[in-house]
Amino acid sequence: MRLAVRLAVRLAVRIARLLAVAACLALAAMPALAEEAGEEKPPPLEIARITVEPEDPGPDTLCKLRVTLKNRGSEAASRFVFEVRVGGKALPVYRDQMVLLPVAAGETAEIPLHNFWSSETSRPYPKDGKLAVEVTLLEATWVKIEDKDGVEERAPLGAVEGLPVTHRVILGRRSAAE
């Protein structure tokens, strides 16, 4: 009888261990299942807004460009690499450029980018008067910012995952005939 009790206890302990392992595996798989179900986690950095001035540029107009970045991460982000397309064509000034302004953890910040012309020789103004501006954040780095004796030091912590992210606006919603 004692032997039967011991065997039953051992069996119960093994079953409890297997159930605990199964529960851990199920919990570990939940984020992946949520992604498969369409519940995607938002990227840690997001282009919240593109601001272009003027909002309704005509042909040959110099436009001021800014992006608003939202940092959902637990560290500051910096070292941003952008691609900007105007009228479907990439602006070459961004090919080898990195923006070093930081965006603090949990904050939203406006980043000034290069001005651009609404039309150029290689990129005519659209006939319908609607100019597409697309900004893609290709790369970014998490950074630790410290003040040491009045000097700001930034230490890279690693690449930001979940990039690239893109935001697009259409300018000049008026008709070309106006």
N, C-alpha and C. Protein backbone atom coordinates (compact mmCIF):
# COMPACT_ATOMS: atom_id res chain seq x y z
N MET A 1 0.82 -1.18 0.00
CA MET A 1 0.00 0.00 0.00
C MET A 1 0.87 1.26 0.00
N ARG A 2 1.93 1.25 0.83
CA ARG A 2 2.83 2.40 0.87
C ARG A 2 3.49 2.61 -0.49
N LEU A 3 3.83 1.54 -1.12
CA LEU A 3 4.44 1.64 -2.45
C LEU A 3 3.47 2.29 -3.43
N ALA A 4 2.22 1.94 -3.37
CA ALA A 4 1.21 2.53 -4.26
C ALA A 4 1.06 4.02 -3.99
N VAL A 5 1.11 4.42 -2.72
CA VAL A 5 0.99 5.84 -2.36
C VAL A 5 2.20 6.60 -2.89
N ARG A 6 3.40 6.03 -2.71
CA ARG A 6 4.61 6.68 -3.19
C ARG A 6 4.56 6.85 -4.72
N LEU A 7 4.15 5.82 -5.41
CA LEU A 7 4.06 5.89 -6.87
C LEU A 7 3.03 6.94 -7.30
N ALA A 8 1.92 7.00 -6.59
CA ALA A 8 0.89 7.99 -6.91
C ALA A 8 1.40 9.40 -6.67
N VAL A 9 2.15 9.62 -5.59
CA VAL A 9 2.72 10.95 -5.30
C VAL A 9 3.72 11.33 -6.37
N ARG A 10 4.61 10.39 -6.73
CA ARG A 10 5.60 10.68 -7.77
C ARG A 10 4.91 11.02 -9.10
N LEU A 11 3.90 10.27 -9.43
CA LEU A 11 3.16 10.51 -10.66
C LEU A 11 2.49 11.90 -10.62
N ALA A 12 1.91 12.25 -9.49
CA ALA A 12 1.26 13.56 -9.34
C ALA A 12 2.29 14.69 -9.47
N VAL A 13 3.48 14.51 -8.90
CA VAL A 13 4.54 15.53 -9.00
C VAL A 13 4.98 15.68 -10.46
N ARG A 14 5.16 14.60 -11.16
CA ARG A 14 5.56 14.66 -12.57
C ARG A 14 4.48 15.34 -13.42
N ILE A 15 3.24 15.03 -13.17
CA ILE A 15 2.15 15.66 -13.91
C ILE A 15 2.12 17.15 -13.62
N ALA A 16 2.31 17.53 -12.36
CA ALA A 16 2.32 18.96 -12.00
C ALA A 16 3.47 19.68 -12.71
N ARG A 17 4.64 19.05 -12.76
CA ARG A 17 5.78 19.65 -13.47
C ARG A 17 5.48 19.82 -14.95
N LEU A 18 4.91 18.81 -15.58
CA LEU A 18 4.56 18.89 -17.00
C LEU A 18 3.53 20.00 -17.25
N LEU A 19 2.56 20.10 -16.37
CA LEU A 19 1.57 21.17 -16.51
C LEU A 19 2.21 22.55 -16.36
N ALA A 20 3.16 22.67 -15.42
CA ALA A 20 3.86 23.95 -15.24
C ALA A 20 4.67 24.31 -16.48
N VAL A 21 5.35 23.33 -17.07
CA VAL A 21 6.12 23.57 -18.28
C VAL A 21 5.17 23.96 -19.43
N ALA A 22 4.06 23.28 -19.55
CA ALA A 22 3.09 23.59 -20.60
C ALA A 22 2.54 25.01 -20.42
N ALA A 23 2.27 25.40 -19.18
CA ALA A 23 1.77 26.76 -18.92
C ALA A 23 2.82 27.79 -19.30
N CYS A 24 4.08 27.54 -18.96
CA CYS A 24 5.16 28.48 -19.32
C CYS A 24 5.29 28.61 -20.84
N LEU A 25 5.22 27.49 -21.54
CA LEU A 25 5.30 27.53 -22.99
C LEU A 25 4.12 28.29 -23.60
N ALA A 26 2.95 28.10 -23.05
CA ALA A 26 1.77 28.81 -23.56
C ALA A 26 1.91 30.31 -23.33
N LEU A 27 2.39 30.70 -22.16
CA LEU A 27 2.59 32.13 -21.88
C LEU A 27 3.66 32.72 -22.79
N ALA A 28 4.70 31.98 -23.05
CA ALA A 28 5.77 32.48 -23.92
C ALA A 28 5.29 32.64 -25.36
N ALA A 29 4.34 31.83 -25.78
CA ALA A 29 3.85 31.90 -27.15
C ALA A 29 2.79 32.97 -27.35
N MET A 30 2.26 33.54 -26.28
CA MET A 30 1.16 34.51 -26.41
C MET A 30 1.51 35.73 -27.26
N PRO A 31 2.69 36.36 -27.10
CA PRO A 31 2.98 37.51 -27.98
C PRO A 31 2.99 37.14 -29.46
N ALA A 32 3.55 35.97 -29.78
CA ALA A 32 3.58 35.54 -31.19
C ALA A 32 2.17 35.26 -31.69
N LEU A 33 1.33 34.69 -30.85
CA LEU A 33 -0.05 34.43 -31.26
C LEU A 33 -0.81 35.73 -31.45
N ALA A 34 -0.54 36.72 -30.61
CA ALA A 34 -1.21 38.02 -30.75
C ALA A 34 -0.82 38.67 -32.07
N GLU A 35 0.45 38.57 -32.45
CA GLU A 35 0.90 39.14 -33.73
C GLU A 35 0.22 38.43 -34.89
N GLU A 36 0.11 37.09 -34.80
CA GLU A 36 -0.55 36.34 -35.87
C GLU A 36 -2.01 36.72 -35.97
N ALA A 37 -2.64 37.05 -34.86
CA ALA A 37 -4.06 37.41 -34.85
C ALA A 37 -4.28 38.84 -35.33
N GLY A 38 -3.22 39.53 -35.73
CA GLY A 38 -3.36 40.89 -36.24
C GLY A 38 -3.20 41.96 -35.17
N GLU A 39 -2.88 41.59 -33.96
CA GLU A 39 -2.67 42.55 -32.89
C GLU A 39 -1.19 42.91 -32.84
N GLU A 40 -0.76 43.64 -33.84
CA GLU A 40 0.65 43.99 -33.92
C GLU A 40 1.01 45.03 -32.87
N LYS A 41 2.16 44.85 -32.31
CA LYS A 41 2.70 45.81 -31.35
C LYS A 41 3.20 47.02 -32.14
N PRO A 42 2.86 48.22 -31.70
CA PRO A 42 3.33 49.40 -32.45
C PRO A 42 4.85 49.50 -32.39
N PRO A 43 5.47 50.07 -33.42
CA PRO A 43 6.93 50.19 -33.41
C PRO A 43 7.38 51.11 -32.27
N PRO A 44 8.59 50.90 -31.75
CA PRO A 44 9.07 51.74 -30.66
C PRO A 44 9.28 53.19 -31.07
N LEU A 45 9.56 53.43 -32.34
CA LEU A 45 9.65 54.79 -32.88
C LEU A 45 8.64 54.91 -34.00
N GLU A 46 7.93 56.03 -34.00
CA GLU A 46 6.90 56.24 -35.01
C GLU A 46 7.00 57.66 -35.55
N ILE A 47 6.79 57.80 -36.84
CA ILE A 47 6.65 59.14 -37.43
C ILE A 47 5.20 59.53 -37.20
N ALA A 48 4.97 60.39 -36.22
CA ALA A 48 3.61 60.77 -35.86
C ALA A 48 3.02 61.79 -36.83
N ARG A 49 3.89 62.63 -37.41
CA ARG A 49 3.39 63.69 -38.28
C ARG A 49 4.51 64.17 -39.19
N ILE A 50 4.11 64.58 -40.39
CA ILE A 50 5.00 65.29 -41.31
C ILE A 50 4.41 66.69 -41.45
N THR A 51 5.25 67.70 -41.26
CA THR A 51 4.80 69.08 -41.41
C THR A 51 5.57 69.71 -42.57
N VAL A 52 4.83 70.26 -43.52
CA VAL A 52 5.44 70.94 -44.67
C VAL A 52 4.82 72.34 -44.73
N GLU A 53 5.67 73.32 -44.86
CA GLU A 53 5.21 74.71 -45.02
C GLU A 53 5.79 75.26 -46.31
N PRO A 54 4.95 75.81 -47.17
CA PRO A 54 3.51 75.96 -47.04
C PRO A 54 2.79 74.63 -47.27
N GLU A 55 1.56 74.55 -46.75
CA GLU A 55 0.78 73.31 -46.87
C GLU A 55 0.27 73.08 -48.29
N ASP A 56 0.18 74.13 -49.08
CA ASP A 56 -0.36 74.02 -50.43
C ASP A 56 0.62 74.69 -51.41
N PRO A 57 1.80 74.07 -51.60
CA PRO A 57 2.81 74.73 -52.44
C PRO A 57 2.46 74.65 -53.92
N GLY A 58 2.81 75.69 -54.63
CA GLY A 58 2.68 75.67 -56.08
C GLY A 58 3.99 75.19 -56.69
N PRO A 59 4.12 75.26 -58.00
CA PRO A 59 5.38 74.88 -58.65
C PRO A 59 6.52 75.79 -58.20
N ASP A 60 7.71 75.23 -58.16
CA ASP A 60 8.94 75.97 -57.83
C ASP A 60 8.86 76.70 -56.49
N THR A 61 8.29 76.05 -55.50
CA THR A 61 8.14 76.64 -54.17
C THR A 61 9.11 75.95 -53.21
N LEU A 62 9.84 76.74 -52.43
CA LEU A 62 10.73 76.19 -51.41
C LEU A 62 9.87 75.78 -50.21
N CYS A 63 9.98 74.52 -49.81
CA CYS A 63 9.16 73.97 -48.74
C CYS A 63 10.02 73.61 -47.53
N LYS A 64 9.54 73.96 -46.35
CA LYS A 64 10.19 73.64 -45.09
C LYS A 64 9.62 72.32 -44.59
N LEU A 65 10.49 71.37 -44.23
CA LEU A 65 10.07 70.02 -43.85
C LEU A 65 10.48 69.71 -42.41
N ARG A 66 9.52 69.19 -41.64
CA ARG A 66 9.79 68.72 -40.28
C ARG A 66 9.00 67.43 -40.05
N VAL A 67 9.56 66.54 -39.23
CA VAL A 67 8.84 65.33 -38.83
C VAL A 67 8.72 65.33 -37.32
N THR A 68 7.63 64.78 -36.85
CA THR A 68 7.43 64.61 -35.42
C THR A 68 7.59 63.13 -35.12
N LEU A 69 8.57 62.80 -34.27
CA LEU A 69 8.84 61.41 -33.90
C LEU A 69 8.30 61.13 -32.50
N LYS A 70 7.67 59.98 -32.35
CA LYS A 70 7.17 59.53 -31.06
C LYS A 70 8.02 58.35 -30.61
N ASN A 71 8.62 58.47 -29.42
CA ASN A 71 9.49 57.43 -28.88
C ASN A 71 8.72 56.66 -27.80
N ARG A 72 8.38 55.42 -28.08
CA ARG A 72 7.68 54.57 -27.11
C ARG A 72 8.67 53.74 -26.27
N GLY A 73 9.97 53.90 -26.55
CA GLY A 73 10.97 53.08 -25.87
C GLY A 73 11.27 53.56 -24.46
N SER A 74 12.13 52.79 -23.78
CA SER A 74 12.53 53.13 -22.40
C SER A 74 13.85 53.89 -22.37
N GLU A 75 14.44 54.14 -23.53
CA GLU A 75 15.69 54.89 -23.65
C GLU A 75 15.51 56.00 -24.68
N ALA A 76 16.42 56.97 -24.64
CA ALA A 76 16.41 58.01 -25.67
C ALA A 76 16.84 57.39 -27.00
N ALA A 77 16.40 58.00 -28.09
CA ALA A 77 16.78 57.54 -29.43
C ALA A 77 17.45 58.69 -30.17
N SER A 78 18.39 58.33 -31.03
CA SER A 78 19.11 59.33 -31.83
C SER A 78 19.69 58.61 -33.04
N ARG A 79 20.58 59.31 -33.75
CA ARG A 79 21.24 58.75 -34.94
C ARG A 79 20.22 58.26 -35.97
N PHE A 80 19.33 59.16 -36.34
CA PHE A 80 18.25 58.83 -37.26
C PHE A 80 18.72 58.90 -38.71
N VAL A 81 18.38 57.88 -39.48
CA VAL A 81 18.66 57.86 -40.92
C VAL A 81 17.31 57.85 -41.63
N PHE A 82 17.09 58.89 -42.44
CA PHE A 82 15.82 59.06 -43.13
C PHE A 82 15.98 58.88 -44.64
N GLU A 83 14.88 58.52 -45.28
CA GLU A 83 14.76 58.63 -46.72
C GLU A 83 13.53 59.50 -46.95
N VAL A 84 13.68 60.53 -47.78
CA VAL A 84 12.56 61.42 -48.10
C VAL A 84 12.31 61.33 -49.59
N ARG A 85 11.05 61.10 -49.94
CA ARG A 85 10.63 61.05 -51.33
C ARG A 85 9.61 62.16 -51.57
N VAL A 86 9.83 62.90 -52.62
CA VAL A 86 8.90 63.96 -53.02
C VAL A 86 8.46 63.63 -54.43
N GLY A 87 7.15 63.52 -54.61
CA GLY A 87 6.64 63.14 -55.93
C GLY A 87 7.15 61.78 -56.38
N GLY A 88 7.42 60.89 -55.42
CA GLY A 88 7.89 59.54 -55.74
C GLY A 88 9.39 59.40 -55.95
N LYS A 89 10.12 60.52 -55.92
CA LYS A 89 11.58 60.46 -56.15
C LYS A 89 12.33 60.76 -54.86
N ALA A 90 13.34 59.92 -54.57
CA ALA A 90 14.14 60.10 -53.36
C ALA A 90 15.01 61.34 -53.49
N LEU A 91 15.08 62.12 -52.41
CA LEU A 91 15.95 63.29 -52.40
C LEU A 91 17.37 62.84 -52.05
N PRO A 92 18.35 63.13 -52.91
CA PRO A 92 19.71 62.61 -52.71
C PRO A 92 20.41 63.12 -51.46
N VAL A 93 19.99 64.25 -50.90
CA VAL A 93 20.68 64.82 -49.75
C VAL A 93 20.66 63.88 -48.53
N TYR A 94 19.72 62.94 -48.49
CA TYR A 94 19.59 62.04 -47.33
C TYR A 94 20.40 60.76 -47.46
N ARG A 95 21.07 60.54 -48.61
CA ARG A 95 21.79 59.28 -48.83
C ARG A 95 22.82 58.97 -47.74
N ASP A 96 23.63 59.96 -47.38
CA ASP A 96 24.70 59.73 -46.42
C ASP A 96 24.56 60.65 -45.22
N GLN A 97 23.34 60.83 -44.75
CA GLN A 97 23.08 61.78 -43.68
C GLN A 97 22.50 61.06 -42.46
N MET A 98 22.93 61.50 -41.28
CA MET A 98 22.41 60.99 -40.02
C MET A 98 22.03 62.19 -39.17
N VAL A 99 20.83 62.17 -38.60
CA VAL A 99 20.36 63.25 -37.73
C VAL A 99 20.64 62.84 -36.29
N LEU A 100 21.39 63.67 -35.57
CA LEU A 100 21.86 63.31 -34.24
C LEU A 100 21.01 63.87 -33.10
N LEU A 101 19.97 64.62 -33.40
CA LEU A 101 19.12 65.15 -32.34
C LEU A 101 18.47 64.00 -31.58
N PRO A 102 18.40 64.08 -30.24
CA PRO A 102 17.79 62.98 -29.48
C PRO A 102 16.29 63.19 -29.27
N VAL A 103 15.59 62.07 -29.10
CA VAL A 103 14.20 62.08 -28.67
C VAL A 103 14.16 61.26 -27.39
N ALA A 104 13.80 61.91 -26.29
CA ALA A 104 13.81 61.27 -24.97
C ALA A 104 12.80 60.13 -24.91
N ALA A 105 13.04 59.18 -24.01
CA ALA A 105 12.15 58.04 -23.81
C ALA A 105 10.75 58.53 -23.45
N GLY A 106 9.74 57.96 -24.12
CA GLY A 106 8.36 58.31 -23.84
C GLY A 106 7.93 59.68 -24.32
N GLU A 107 8.77 60.36 -25.07
CA GLU A 107 8.48 61.73 -25.52
C GLU A 107 8.22 61.77 -27.01
N THR A 108 7.70 62.91 -27.44
CA THR A 108 7.49 63.21 -28.85
C THR A 108 8.27 64.48 -29.15
N ALA A 109 9.00 64.50 -30.25
CA ALA A 109 9.83 65.66 -30.59
C ALA A 109 9.76 65.94 -32.09
N GLU A 110 9.85 67.22 -32.42
CA GLU A 110 9.86 67.65 -33.81
C GLU A 110 11.30 67.74 -34.28
N ILE A 111 11.58 67.12 -35.42
CA ILE A 111 12.93 67.08 -35.99
C ILE A 111 12.92 67.86 -37.30
N PRO A 112 13.72 68.93 -37.40
CA PRO A 112 13.79 69.65 -38.68
C PRO A 112 14.61 68.86 -39.69
N LEU A 113 14.11 68.77 -40.91
CA LEU A 113 14.83 68.12 -41.99
C LEU A 113 15.15 69.18 -43.05
N HIS A 114 15.79 68.77 -44.12
CA HIS A 114 16.18 69.72 -45.17
C HIS A 114 14.96 70.28 -45.90
N ASN A 115 15.06 71.53 -46.28
CA ASN A 115 14.06 72.13 -47.15
C ASN A 115 14.14 71.46 -48.51
N PHE A 116 13.07 71.54 -49.27
CA PHE A 116 13.08 70.99 -50.63
C PHE A 116 12.22 71.88 -51.53
N TRP A 117 12.45 71.75 -52.84
CA TRP A 117 11.65 72.48 -53.82
C TRP A 117 10.49 71.60 -54.26
N SER A 118 9.34 72.21 -54.45
CA SER A 118 8.16 71.45 -54.87
C SER A 118 8.32 70.87 -56.26
N SER A 119 9.18 71.45 -57.06
CA SER A 119 9.49 70.90 -58.38
C SER A 119 10.94 71.21 -58.72
N GLU A 120 11.52 70.33 -59.52
CA GLU A 120 12.90 70.49 -60.00
C GLU A 120 12.94 69.98 -61.43
N THR A 121 14.05 70.16 -62.09
CA THR A 121 14.18 69.71 -63.48
C THR A 121 13.90 68.22 -63.59
N SER A 122 14.43 67.43 -62.66
CA SER A 122 14.26 65.98 -62.71
C SER A 122 12.93 65.52 -62.09
N ARG A 123 12.21 66.45 -61.46
CA ARG A 123 10.96 66.10 -60.78
C ARG A 123 9.94 67.22 -61.01
N PRO A 124 9.19 67.15 -62.10
CA PRO A 124 8.23 68.22 -62.39
C PRO A 124 7.09 68.23 -61.38
N TYR A 125 6.47 69.39 -61.26
CA TYR A 125 5.32 69.55 -60.38
C TYR A 125 4.16 68.71 -60.94
N PRO A 126 3.43 68.01 -60.10
CA PRO A 126 2.35 67.15 -60.61
C PRO A 126 1.24 67.96 -61.29
N LYS A 127 0.74 67.45 -62.37
CA LYS A 127 -0.30 68.14 -63.15
C LYS A 127 -1.58 68.33 -62.35
N ASP A 128 -1.87 67.38 -61.44
CA ASP A 128 -3.09 67.49 -60.65
C ASP A 128 -2.92 68.39 -59.43
N GLY A 129 -1.70 68.91 -59.21
CA GLY A 129 -1.45 69.81 -58.09
C GLY A 129 -1.31 69.11 -56.75
N LYS A 130 -1.29 67.77 -56.74
CA LYS A 130 -1.18 67.01 -55.49
C LYS A 130 0.23 66.45 -55.39
N LEU A 131 0.99 66.96 -54.43
CA LEU A 131 2.39 66.59 -54.26
C LEU A 131 2.52 65.63 -53.08
N ALA A 132 3.00 64.42 -53.35
CA ALA A 132 3.18 63.42 -52.30
C ALA A 132 4.55 63.60 -51.64
N VAL A 133 4.56 63.65 -50.31
CA VAL A 133 5.80 63.71 -49.53
C VAL A 133 5.79 62.50 -48.61
N GLU A 134 6.82 61.67 -48.75
CA GLU A 134 6.91 60.44 -47.97
C GLU A 134 8.24 60.43 -47.21
N VAL A 135 8.16 60.21 -45.90
CA VAL A 135 9.36 60.15 -45.06
C VAL A 135 9.43 58.76 -44.45
N THR A 136 10.58 58.11 -44.60
CA THR A 136 10.82 56.80 -44.02
C THR A 136 11.98 56.91 -43.04
N LEU A 137 11.76 56.43 -41.82
CA LEU A 137 12.83 56.32 -40.84
C LEU A 137 13.44 54.94 -41.03
N LEU A 138 14.65 54.92 -41.62
CA LEU A 138 15.30 53.66 -41.97
C LEU A 138 16.04 53.04 -40.79
N GLU A 139 16.74 53.88 -40.03
CA GLU A 139 17.56 53.39 -38.92
C GLU A 139 17.53 54.40 -37.77
N ALA A 140 17.77 53.89 -36.56
CA ALA A 140 17.92 54.73 -35.38
C ALA A 140 18.66 53.91 -34.33
N THR A 141 19.20 54.61 -33.34
CA THR A 141 19.98 53.96 -32.29
C THR A 141 19.46 54.40 -30.93
N TRP A 142 19.32 53.43 -30.02
CA TRP A 142 19.02 53.77 -28.63
C TRP A 142 20.31 54.34 -28.02
N VAL A 143 20.18 55.40 -27.24
CA VAL A 143 21.36 56.03 -26.65
C VAL A 143 21.11 56.34 -25.17
N LYS A 144 22.18 56.31 -24.42
CA LYS A 144 22.14 56.73 -23.02
C LYS A 144 22.81 58.10 -22.97
N ILE A 145 22.06 59.08 -22.47
CA ILE A 145 22.57 60.45 -22.42
C ILE A 145 22.90 60.79 -20.97
N GLU A 146 24.14 61.20 -20.73
CA GLU A 146 24.59 61.57 -19.39
C GLU A 146 25.27 62.93 -19.44
N ASP A 147 25.14 63.65 -18.35
CA ASP A 147 25.81 64.94 -18.20
C ASP A 147 27.01 64.73 -17.28
N LYS A 148 28.19 64.88 -17.84
CA LYS A 148 29.42 64.70 -17.05
C LYS A 148 30.18 66.02 -17.04
N ASP A 149 30.16 66.66 -15.89
CA ASP A 149 30.85 67.95 -15.71
C ASP A 149 30.40 68.98 -16.74
N GLY A 150 29.09 69.03 -16.97
CA GLY A 150 28.54 70.02 -17.89
C GLY A 150 28.67 69.66 -19.36
N VAL A 151 29.15 68.46 -19.65
CA VAL A 151 29.30 68.01 -21.04
C VAL A 151 28.36 66.83 -21.26
N GLU A 152 27.53 66.94 -22.28
CA GLU A 152 26.60 65.86 -22.59
C GLU A 152 27.33 64.74 -23.32
N GLU A 153 27.21 63.54 -22.79
CA GLU A 153 27.81 62.36 -23.43
C GLU A 153 26.70 61.41 -23.84
N ARG A 154 26.82 60.89 -25.05
CA ARG A 154 25.83 59.93 -25.57
C ARG A 154 26.53 58.62 -25.87
N ALA A 155 26.06 57.57 -25.25
CA ALA A 155 26.62 56.23 -25.48
C ALA A 155 25.60 55.40 -26.24
N PRO A 156 25.97 54.81 -27.39
CA PRO A 156 25.02 53.97 -28.13
C PRO A 156 24.72 52.69 -27.36
N LEU A 157 23.44 52.30 -27.37
CA LEU A 157 23.01 51.09 -26.66
C LEU A 157 22.59 49.98 -27.62
N GLY A 158 22.40 50.33 -28.88
CA GLY A 158 21.99 49.31 -29.86
C GLY A 158 20.99 49.87 -30.84
N ALA A 159 20.79 49.14 -31.91
CA ALA A 159 19.87 49.56 -32.97
C ALA A 159 18.43 49.44 -32.50
N VAL A 160 17.61 50.34 -32.97
CA VAL A 160 16.17 50.29 -32.70
C VAL A 160 15.55 49.23 -33.60
N GLU A 161 14.82 48.32 -33.01
CA GLU A 161 14.14 47.27 -33.76
C GLU A 161 12.82 47.81 -34.33
N GLY A 162 12.27 47.13 -35.30
CA GLY A 162 10.96 47.49 -35.84
C GLY A 162 10.98 48.56 -36.91
N LEU A 163 12.16 48.88 -37.43
CA LEU A 163 12.27 49.87 -38.50
C LEU A 163 12.49 49.12 -39.81
N PRO A 164 12.13 49.68 -40.92
CA PRO A 164 11.74 51.07 -41.18
C PRO A 164 10.26 51.32 -40.89
N VAL A 165 9.94 52.59 -40.65
CA VAL A 165 8.56 53.07 -40.55
C VAL A 165 8.40 54.23 -41.51
N THR A 166 7.23 54.34 -42.11
CA THR A 166 6.99 55.35 -43.15
C THR A 166 5.70 56.12 -42.85
N HIS A 167 5.73 57.39 -43.19
CA HIS A 167 4.53 58.24 -43.10
C HIS A 167 4.47 59.06 -44.38
N ARG A 168 3.25 59.31 -44.86
CA ARG A 168 3.09 60.00 -46.15
C ARG A 168 1.99 61.04 -46.03
N VAL A 169 2.21 62.18 -46.67
CA VAL A 169 1.17 63.21 -46.77
C VAL A 169 1.06 63.64 -48.23
N ILE A 170 -0.13 64.12 -48.56
CA ILE A 170 -0.38 64.67 -49.89
C ILE A 170 -0.62 66.17 -49.71
N LEU A 171 0.17 66.98 -50.40
CA LEU A 171 0.06 68.45 -50.32
C LEU A 171 -0.68 68.96 -51.54
N GLY A 172 -1.24 70.17 -51.42
CA GLY A 172 -1.83 70.84 -52.57
C GLY A 172 -3.07 70.16 -53.08
N ARG A 173 -4.06 70.03 -52.24
CA ARG A 173 -5.29 69.34 -52.61
C ARG A 173 -6.17 70.16 -53.56
N ARG A 174 -5.74 71.35 -53.91
CA ARG A 174 -6.50 72.17 -54.86
C ARG A 174 -6.29 71.63 -56.27
N SER A 175 -7.09 72.00 -57.17
CA SER A 175 -6.91 71.51 -58.56
C SER A 175 -5.84 72.33 -59.26
N ALA A 176 -5.22 71.76 -60.25
CA ALA A 176 -4.13 72.44 -60.95
C ALA A 176 -4.66 73.64 -61.73
N ALA A 177 -5.96 73.66 -62.04
CA ALA A 177 -6.54 74.75 -62.81
C ALA A 177 -6.73 76.02 -61.97
N GLU A 178 -6.78 75.89 -60.66
CA GLU A 178 -7.00 77.06 -59.79
C GLU A 178 -5.79 77.98 -59.74
